[in-house]
């Protein structure tokens, strides 16, 4: 109970974390919906669970390979912009895929495979940007632990809610329509990511200042050691 009050108090006074957590929650609703919708679409087209397994393996292979370059790119870039661009791109791709299959149900699955490869190419950039941005939005280690607790909870809740809601959409409409709705969730999350305001320049100045102080300290230590050698 006490921890719950602390988290609520923290959220009330942490606008950027509220926006980040809300955006991640909405993004993962879309992700949960997308997973089920893609699986249902594949099964309807192939009548085989093997195709679903192949797609899952393909997604993980793509994410694994991209992970090697995404970290360094994110470190040199504006993490907020990467989050906005990543989710907006995923939204375009998933809405596009849903629209293609909604207009023409006989569309080749190769289009879906290509779109899923592109979506999972973006995912590592999104994950690394989120991981890197969170510490910049809090004051200290205690707030970081609270922020991570909130984000992790909403991450899982978003996945569960998305997976539950999409079943009704597929039943009353179609997997293609579910894809369009799931892609729309990425547009909403990218909007909330864009509302986050933080000063990266301030952090860079602090780092430069600390480097400068460290350099002066090192130089001072070297001078004292040199003076001692001359005395001896």
C-alpha atoms as a PDB file:
ATOM      1  CA  UNK A   1       0.000   0.000   0.000  1.00  0.00           C
ATOM      2  CA  UNK A   2       2.807   2.362   0.938  1.00  0.00           C
ATOM      3  CA  UNK A   3       4.693   1.576  -2.266  1.00  0.00           C
ATOM      4  CA  UNK A   4       1.537   2.245  -4.265  1.00  0.00           C
ATOM      5  CA  UNK A   5       1.158   5.688  -2.682  1.00  0.00           C
ATOM      6  CA  UNK A   6       4.816   6.464  -3.377  1.00  0.00           C
ATOM      7  CA  UNK A   7       4.451   5.500  -7.035  1.00  0.00           C
ATOM      8  CA  UNK A   8       1.271   7.557  -7.385  1.00  0.00           C
ATOM      9  CA  UNK A   9       2.920  10.559  -5.740  1.00  0.00           C
ATOM     10  CA  UNK A  10       5.912  10.166  -8.045  1.00  0.00           C
ATOM     11  CA  UNK A  11       3.698   9.975 -11.141  1.00  0.00           C
ATOM     12  CA  UNK A  12       1.767  13.113 -10.172  1.00  0.00           C
ATOM     13  CA  UNK A  13       4.991  15.121 -10.152  1.00  0.00           C
ATOM     14  CA  UNK A  14       6.740  13.466 -13.103  1.00  0.00           C
ATOM     15  CA  UNK A  15       5.103  14.675 -16.319  1.00  0.00           C
ATOM     16  CA  UNK A  16       7.679  13.158 -18.659  1.00  0.00           C
ATOM     17  CA  UNK A  17       7.473   9.739 -17.021  1.00  0.00           C
ATOM     18  CA  UNK A  18       3.663   9.876 -17.223  1.00  0.00           C
ATOM     19  CA  UNK A  19       3.880  10.583 -20.940  1.00  0.00           C
ATOM     20  CA  UNK A  20       6.544   7.918 -21.499  1.00  0.00           C
ATOM     21  CA  UNK A  21       4.605   5.284 -19.538  1.00  0.00           C
ATOM     22  CA  UNK A  22       1.321   6.151 -21.289  1.00  0.00           C
ATOM     23  CA  UNK A  23       2.961   6.016 -24.718  1.00  0.00           C
ATOM     24  CA  UNK A  24       4.568   2.643 -23.947  1.00  0.00           C
ATOM     25  CA  UNK A  25       1.233   1.334 -22.644  1.00  0.00           C
ATOM     26  CA  UNK A  26      -0.598   2.362 -25.837  1.00  0.00           C
ATOM     27  CA  UNK A  27       2.227   1.109 -28.057  1.00  0.00           C
ATOM     28  CA  UNK A  28       2.072  -2.309 -26.413  1.00  0.00           C
ATOM     29  CA  UNK A  29      -1.690  -2.499 -26.802  1.00  0.00           C
ATOM     30  CA  UNK A  30      -0.970  -2.158 -30.511  1.00  0.00           C
ATOM     31  CA  UNK A  31       1.809  -4.735 -30.278  1.00  0.00           C
ATOM     32  CA  UNK A  32      -0.444  -7.264 -28.526  1.00  0.00           C
ATOM     33  CA  UNK A  33      -3.185  -6.735 -31.104  1.00  0.00           C
ATOM     34  CA  UNK A  34      -0.702  -6.999 -33.963  1.00  0.00           C
ATOM     35  CA  UNK A  35       0.686 -10.343 -32.788  1.00  0.00           C
ATOM     36  CA  UNK A  36      -2.728 -12.034 -32.634  1.00  0.00           C
ATOM     37  CA  UNK A  37      -4.002 -10.408 -35.841  1.00  0.00           C
ATOM     38  CA  UNK A  38      -0.930 -11.478 -37.831  1.00  0.00           C
ATOM     39  CA  UNK A  39      -1.153 -15.021 -36.453  1.00  0.00           C
ATOM     40  CA  UNK A  40      -4.846 -15.290 -37.381  1.00  0.00           C
ATOM     41  CA  UNK A  41      -4.244 -13.862 -40.840  1.00  0.00           C
ATOM     42  CA  UNK A  42      -1.429 -16.329 -41.486  1.00  0.00           C
ATOM     43  CA  UNK A  43      -3.471 -19.274 -40.246  1.00  0.00           C
ATOM     44  CA  UNK A  44      -6.471 -18.297 -42.387  1.00  0.00           C
ATOM     45  CA  UNK A  45      -4.241 -18.087 -45.455  1.00  0.00           C
ATOM     46  CA  UNK A  46      -2.194 -21.256 -44.930  1.00  0.00           C
ATOM     47  CA  UNK A  47      -4.253 -23.443 -42.547  1.00  0.00           C
ATOM     48  CA  UNK A  48      -0.925 -24.268 -40.930  1.00  0.00           C
ATOM     49  CA  UNK A  49       0.609 -23.320 -37.600  1.00  0.00           C
ATOM     50  CA  UNK A  50       4.049 -23.823 -39.156  1.00  0.00           C
ATOM     51  CA  UNK A  51       3.806 -20.502 -40.996  1.00  0.00           C
ATOM     52  CA  UNK A  52       3.233 -18.725 -37.682  1.00  0.00           C
ATOM     53  CA  UNK A  53       6.350 -20.355 -36.243  1.00  0.00           C
ATOM     54  CA  UNK A  54       8.395 -19.350 -39.293  1.00  0.00           C
ATOM     55  CA  UNK A  55       7.285 -15.723 -38.952  1.00  0.00           C
ATOM     56  CA  UNK A  56       8.125 -15.654 -35.237  1.00  0.00           C
ATOM     57  CA  UNK A  57      11.608 -17.061 -35.920  1.00  0.00           C
ATOM     58  CA  UNK A  58      12.104 -14.574 -38.763  1.00  0.00           C
ATOM     59  CA  UNK A  59      11.144 -11.684 -36.489  1.00  0.00           C
ATOM     60  CA  UNK A  60      13.632 -12.690 -33.799  1.00  0.00           C
ATOM     61  CA  UNK A  61      16.428 -13.202 -36.337  1.00  0.00           C
ATOM     62  CA  UNK A  62      15.878  -9.705 -37.762  1.00  0.00           C
ATOM     63  CA  UNK A  63      15.798  -8.107 -34.299  1.00  0.00           C
ATOM     64  CA  UNK A  64      18.934 -10.001 -33.251  1.00  0.00           C
ATOM     65  CA  UNK A  65      20.900  -8.814 -36.289  1.00  0.00           C
ATOM     66  CA  UNK A  66      19.741  -5.193 -36.057  1.00  0.00           C
ATOM     67  CA  UNK A  67      20.553  -5.089 -32.336  1.00  0.00           C
ATOM     68  CA  UNK A  68      24.264  -4.895 -33.192  1.00  0.00           C
ATOM     69  CA  UNK A  69      23.901  -1.513 -34.902  1.00  0.00           C
ATOM     70  CA  UNK A  70      20.885   0.004 -33.151  1.00  0.00           C
ATOM     71  CA  UNK A  71      22.651   0.640 -29.832  1.00  0.00           C
ATOM     72  CA  UNK A  72      25.391   2.849 -31.251  1.00  0.00           C
ATOM     73  CA  UNK A  73      22.917   4.737 -33.463  1.00  0.00           C
ATOM     74  CA  UNK A  74      20.608   5.443 -30.522  1.00  0.00           C
ATOM     75  CA  UNK A  75      23.482   6.630 -28.313  1.00  0.00           C
ATOM     76  CA  UNK A  76      24.458   9.250 -30.903  1.00  0.00           C
ATOM     77  CA  UNK A  77      20.897  10.393 -31.595  1.00  0.00           C
ATOM     78  CA  UNK A  78      17.922  12.057 -29.926  1.00  0.00           C
ATOM     79  CA  UNK A  79      16.152   9.168 -28.185  1.00  0.00           C
ATOM     80  CA  UNK A  80      12.786  10.922 -28.151  1.00  0.00           C
ATOM     81  CA  UNK A  81      12.871  11.408 -31.915  1.00  0.00           C
ATOM     82  CA  UNK A  82      13.776   7.757 -32.396  1.00  0.00           C
ATOM     83  CA  UNK A  83      10.761   6.697 -30.306  1.00  0.00           C
ATOM     84  CA  UNK A  84       8.461   8.985 -32.300  1.00  0.00           C
ATOM     85  CA  UNK A  85       9.836   7.894 -35.677  1.00  0.00           C
ATOM     86  CA  UNK A  86       9.896   4.200 -34.710  1.00  0.00           C
ATOM     87  CA  UNK A  87       6.258   4.007 -33.632  1.00  0.00           C
ATOM     88  CA  UNK A  88       5.067   6.232 -36.478  1.00  0.00           C
ATOM     89  CA  UNK A  89       6.905   3.983 -38.948  1.00  0.00           C
ATOM     90  CA  UNK A  90       5.408   0.855 -37.382  1.00  0.00           C
ATOM     91  CA  UNK A  91       1.991   2.479 -37.620  1.00  0.00           C
ATOM     92  CA  UNK A  92       2.409   3.210 -41.330  1.00  0.00           C
ATOM     93  CA  UNK A  93       3.615  -0.320 -42.066  1.00  0.00           C
ATOM     94  CA  UNK A  94       0.933  -2.151 -40.072  1.00  0.00           C
ATOM     95  CA  UNK A  95      -1.937   0.068 -41.236  1.00  0.00           C
ATOM     96  CA  UNK A  96      -0.629  -0.363 -44.778  1.00  0.00           C
ATOM     97  CA  UNK A  97      -0.557  -4.151 -44.410  1.00  0.00           C
ATOM     98  CA  UNK A  98      -4.069  -4.230 -42.971  1.00  0.00           C
ATOM     99  CA  UNK A  99      -5.395  -1.991 -45.745  1.00  0.00           C
ATOM    100  CA  UNK A 100      -3.820  -4.145 -48.473  1.00  0.00           C
ATOM    101  CA  UNK A 101      -5.398  -7.350 -47.125  1.00  0.00           C
ATOM    102  CA  UNK A 102      -8.716  -5.634 -46.388  1.00  0.00           C
ATOM    103  CA  UNK A 103      -9.010  -4.342 -49.966  1.00  0.00           C
ATOM    104  CA  UNK A 104      -7.766  -7.570 -51.548  1.00  0.00           C
ATOM    105  CA  UNK A 105      -7.980 -10.702 -49.418  1.00  0.00           C
ATOM    106  CA  UNK A 106      -6.081 -12.671 -52.084  1.00  0.00           C
ATOM    107  CA  UNK A 107      -2.913 -10.604 -51.649  1.00  0.00           C
ATOM    108  CA  UNK A 108       0.245 -12.705 -51.497  1.00  0.00           C
ATOM    109  CA  UNK A 109       1.654 -13.359 -48.025  1.00  0.00           C
ATOM    110  CA  UNK A 110       5.064 -12.243 -49.282  1.00  0.00           C
ATOM    111  CA  UNK A 111       3.897  -8.640 -48.778  1.00  0.00           C
ATOM    112  CA  UNK A 112       3.094  -9.408 -45.152  1.00  0.00           C
ATOM    113  CA  UNK A 113       6.506 -11.039 -44.627  1.00  0.00           C
ATOM    114  CA  UNK A 114       8.284  -7.986 -46.064  1.00  0.00           C
ATOM    115  CA  UNK A 115       6.287  -5.610 -43.857  1.00  0.00           C
ATOM    116  CA  UNK A 116       6.956  -7.692 -40.741  1.00  0.00           C
ATOM    117  CA  UNK A 117      10.696  -7.709 -41.502  1.00  0.00           C
ATOM    118  CA  UNK A 118      10.618  -3.904 -41.759  1.00  0.00           C
ATOM    119  CA  UNK A 119       8.612  -3.593 -38.535  1.00  0.00           C
ATOM    120  CA  UNK A 120      11.057  -5.785 -36.636  1.00  0.00           C
ATOM    121  CA  UNK A 121      13.970  -3.864 -38.117  1.00  0.00           C
ATOM    122  CA  UNK A 122      12.602  -0.830 -36.245  1.00  0.00           C
ATOM    123  CA  UNK A 123      11.914  -2.595 -32.919  1.00  0.00           C
ATOM    124  CA  UNK A 124      15.537  -2.692 -31.593  1.00  0.00           C
ATOM    125  CA  UNK A 125      15.888   1.060 -32.180  1.00  0.00           C
ATOM    126  CA  UNK A 126      12.678   1.613 -30.223  1.00  0.00           C
ATOM    127  CA  UNK A 127      13.743  -0.636 -27.329  1.00  0.00           C
ATOM    128  CA  UNK A 128      17.213   0.904 -27.024  1.00  0.00           C
ATOM    129  CA  UNK A 129      15.822   4.439 -27.208  1.00  0.00           C
ATOM    130  CA  UNK A 130      13.320   3.723 -24.431  1.00  0.00           C
ATOM    131  CA  UNK A 131      16.021   2.151 -22.258  1.00  0.00           C
ATOM    132  CA  UNK A 132      18.382   5.100 -22.810  1.00  0.00           C
ATOM    133  CA  UNK A 133      15.787   7.863 -22.443  1.00  0.00           C
ATOM    134  CA  UNK A 134      14.241   6.785 -19.134  1.00  0.00           C
ATOM    135  CA  UNK A 135      17.273   7.687 -16.929  1.00  0.00           C
ATOM    136  CA  UNK A 136      17.363  11.156 -18.502  1.00  0.00           C
ATOM    137  CA  UNK A 137      13.813  11.889 -17.342  1.00  0.00           C
ATOM    138  CA  UNK A 138      14.409  11.238 -13.626  1.00  0.00           C
ATOM    139  CA  UNK A 139      16.456  12.937 -10.930  1.00  0.00           C
ATOM    140  CA  UNK A 140      18.102  10.030  -9.153  1.00  0.00           C
ATOM    141  CA  UNK A 141      18.393   6.259  -8.801  1.00  0.00           C
ATOM    142  CA  UNK A 142      15.307   5.967  -6.595  1.00  0.00           C
ATOM    143  CA  UNK A 143      13.132   7.706  -9.184  1.00  0.00           C
ATOM    144  CA  UNK A 144      14.634   5.511 -11.901  1.00  0.00           C
ATOM    145  CA  UNK A 145      13.582   2.376  -9.998  1.00  0.00           C
ATOM    146  CA  UNK A 146      10.060   3.758  -9.601  1.00  0.00           C
ATOM    147  CA  UNK A 147       9.884   4.723 -13.274  1.00  0.00           C
ATOM    148  CA  UNK A 148      11.077   1.282 -14.397  1.00  0.00           C
ATOM    149  CA  UNK A 149       8.507  -0.384 -12.132  1.00  0.00           C
ATOM    150  CA  UNK A 150       5.674   1.662 -13.645  1.00  0.00           C
ATOM    151  CA  UNK A 151       6.873   1.188 -17.224  1.00  0.00           C
ATOM    152  CA  UNK A 152       7.317  -2.582 -16.817  1.00  0.00           C
ATOM    153  CA  UNK A 153       3.821  -2.948 -15.349  1.00  0.00           C
ATOM    154  CA  UNK A 154       2.192  -0.911 -18.116  1.00  0.00           C
ATOM    155  CA  UNK A 155       4.262  -2.717 -20.757  1.00  0.00           C
ATOM    156  CA  UNK A 156       2.824  -6.067 -19.679  1.00  0.00           C
ATOM    157  CA  UNK A 157      -0.674  -4.645 -19.142  1.00  0.00           C
ATOM    158  CA  UNK A 158      -0.677  -3.187 -22.651  1.00  0.00           C
ATOM    159  CA  UNK A 159       0.274  -6.532 -24.187  1.00  0.00           C
ATOM    160  CA  UNK A 160      -2.462  -8.350 -22.252  1.00  0.00           C
ATOM    161  CA  UNK A 161      -5.169  -5.787 -23.029  1.00  0.00           C
ATOM    162  CA  UNK A 162      -4.226  -5.700 -26.711  1.00  0.00           C
ATOM    163  CA  UNK A 163      -4.323  -9.492 -26.952  1.00  0.00           C
ATOM    164  CA  UNK A 164      -7.724  -9.607 -25.226  1.00  0.00           C
ATOM    165  CA  UNK A 165      -9.373  -6.791 -27.179  1.00  0.00           C
ATOM    166  CA  UNK A 166      -8.240  -7.968 -30.611  1.00  0.00           C
ATOM    167  CA  UNK A 167     -10.218 -11.214 -30.310  1.00  0.00           C
ATOM    168  CA  UNK A 168     -13.508  -9.309 -30.474  1.00  0.00           C
ATOM    169  CA  UNK A 169     -12.299  -7.193 -33.393  1.00  0.00           C
ATOM    170  CA  UNK A 170     -11.301 -10.291 -35.368  1.00  0.00           C
ATOM    171  CA  UNK A 171     -14.598 -12.030 -34.555  1.00  0.00           C
ATOM    172  CA  UNK A 172     -16.869  -9.135 -35.549  1.00  0.00           C
ATOM    173  CA  UNK A 173     -14.690  -7.714 -38.336  1.00  0.00           C
ATOM    174  CA  UNK A 174     -11.529  -9.371 -39.699  1.00  0.00           C
ATOM    175  CA  UNK A 175      -7.793  -9.856 -39.007  1.00  0.00           C
ATOM    176  CA  UNK A 176      -7.034  -7.159 -41.592  1.00  0.00           C
ATOM    177  CA  UNK A 177      -9.263  -4.664 -39.764  1.00  0.00           C
ATOM    178  CA  UNK A 178      -7.551  -5.627 -36.506  1.00  0.00           C
ATOM    179  CA  UNK A 179      -4.188  -4.835 -38.114  1.00  0.00           C
ATOM    180  CA  UNK A 180      -5.408  -1.378 -39.119  1.00  0.00           C
ATOM    181  CA  UNK A 181      -6.620  -0.664 -35.579  1.00  0.00           C
ATOM    182  CA  UNK A 182      -3.398  -1.991 -34.030  1.00  0.00           C
ATOM    183  CA  UNK A 183      -1.350   0.190 -36.377  1.00  0.00           C
ATOM    184  CA  UNK A 184      -3.426   3.203 -35.333  1.00  0.00           C
ATOM    185  CA  UNK A 185      -2.327   2.621 -31.738  1.00  0.00           C
ATOM    186  CA  UNK A 186       1.271   3.253 -32.829  1.00  0.00           C
ATOM    187  CA  UNK A 187       0.245   6.643 -34.240  1.00  0.00           C
ATOM    188  CA  UNK A 188      -1.287   7.583 -30.881  1.00  0.00           C
ATOM    189  CA  UNK A 189       1.770   6.424 -28.922  1.00  0.00           C
ATOM    190  CA  UNK A 190       4.134   8.343 -31.224  1.00  0.00           C
ATOM    191  CA  UNK A 191       2.087  11.483 -30.504  1.00  0.00           C
ATOM    192  CA  UNK A 192       2.550  11.066 -26.743  1.00  0.00           C
ATOM    193  CA  UNK A 193       6.256  10.342 -27.156  1.00  0.00           C
ATOM    194  CA  UNK A 194       6.489  13.645 -29.007  1.00  0.00           C
ATOM    195  CA  UNK A 195       5.051  15.536 -26.014  1.00  0.00           C
ATOM    196  CA  UNK A 196       8.011  14.570 -23.809  1.00  0.00           C
ATOM    197  CA  UNK A 197      10.235  17.559 -23.048  1.00  0.00           C
ATOM    198  CA  UNK A 198      13.751  17.234 -21.710  1.00  0.00           C
ATOM    199  CA  UNK A 199      17.060  19.001 -22.173  1.00  0.00           C
ATOM    200  CA  UNK A 200      19.745  16.755 -23.571  1.00  0.00           C
ATOM    201  CA  UNK A 201      22.084  19.726 -24.014  1.00  0.00           C
ATOM    202  CA  UNK A 202      22.039  20.283 -20.263  1.00  0.00           C
ATOM    203  CA  UNK A 203      23.226  16.737 -19.688  1.00  0.00           C
ATOM    204  CA  UNK A 204      25.937  17.122 -22.323  1.00  0.00           C
ATOM    205  CA  UNK A 205      27.167  20.342 -20.690  1.00  0.00           C
ATOM    206  CA  UNK A 206      27.334  18.585 -17.328  1.00  0.00           C
ATOM    207  CA  UNK A 207      29.319  15.732 -18.888  1.00  0.00           C
ATOM    208  CA  UNK A 208      31.685  18.192 -20.562  1.00  0.00           C
ATOM    209  CA  UNK A 209      32.089  20.057 -17.283  1.00  0.00           C
ATOM    210  CA  UNK A 210      32.880  16.844 -15.410  1.00  0.00           C
ATOM    211  CA  UNK A 211      35.393  15.888 -18.107  1.00  0.00           C
ATOM    212  CA  UNK A 212      37.002  19.313 -17.818  1.00  0.00           C
ATOM    213  CA  UNK A 213      37.190  19.082 -14.028  1.00  0.00           C
ATOM    214  CA  UNK A 214      38.665  15.601 -14.308  1.00  0.00           C
ATOM    215  CA  UNK A 215      41.263  16.854 -16.780  1.00  0.00           C
ATOM    216  CA  UNK A 216      42.243  19.755 -14.502  1.00  0.00           C
ATOM    217  CA  UNK A 217      42.437  17.417 -11.522  1.00  0.00           C
ATOM    218  CA  UNK A 218      44.647  15.016 -13.447  1.00  0.00           C
ATOM    219  CA  UNK A 219      46.878  17.891 -14.523  1.00  0.00           C
ATOM    220  CA  UNK A 220      47.090  19.169 -10.958  1.00  0.00           C
ATOM    221  CA  UNK A 221      48.017  15.715  -9.646  1.00  0.00           C
ATOM    222  CA  UNK A 222      50.690  15.410 -12.312  1.00  0.00           C
ATOM    223  CA  UNK A 223      52.151  18.818 -11.368  1.00  0.00           C
ATOM    224  CA  UNK A 224      52.332  17.874  -7.685  1.00  0.00           C
ATOM    225  CA  UNK A 225      54.054  14.588  -8.492  1.00  0.00           C
ATOM    226  CA  UNK A 226      56.571  16.392 -10.712  1.00  0.00           C
ATOM    227  CA  UNK A 227      57.284  18.911  -7.946  1.00  0.00           C
ATOM    228  CA  UNK A 228      57.913  16.118  -5.446  1.00  0.00           C
ATOM    229  CA  UNK A 229      60.367  14.454  -7.815  1.00  0.00           C
ATOM    230  CA  UNK A 230      62.317  17.718  -8.163  1.00  0.00           C
ATOM    231  CA  UNK A 231      62.500  18.121  -4.382  1.00  0.00           C
ATOM    232  CA  UNK A 232      63.936  14.638  -3.990  1.00  0.00           C
END
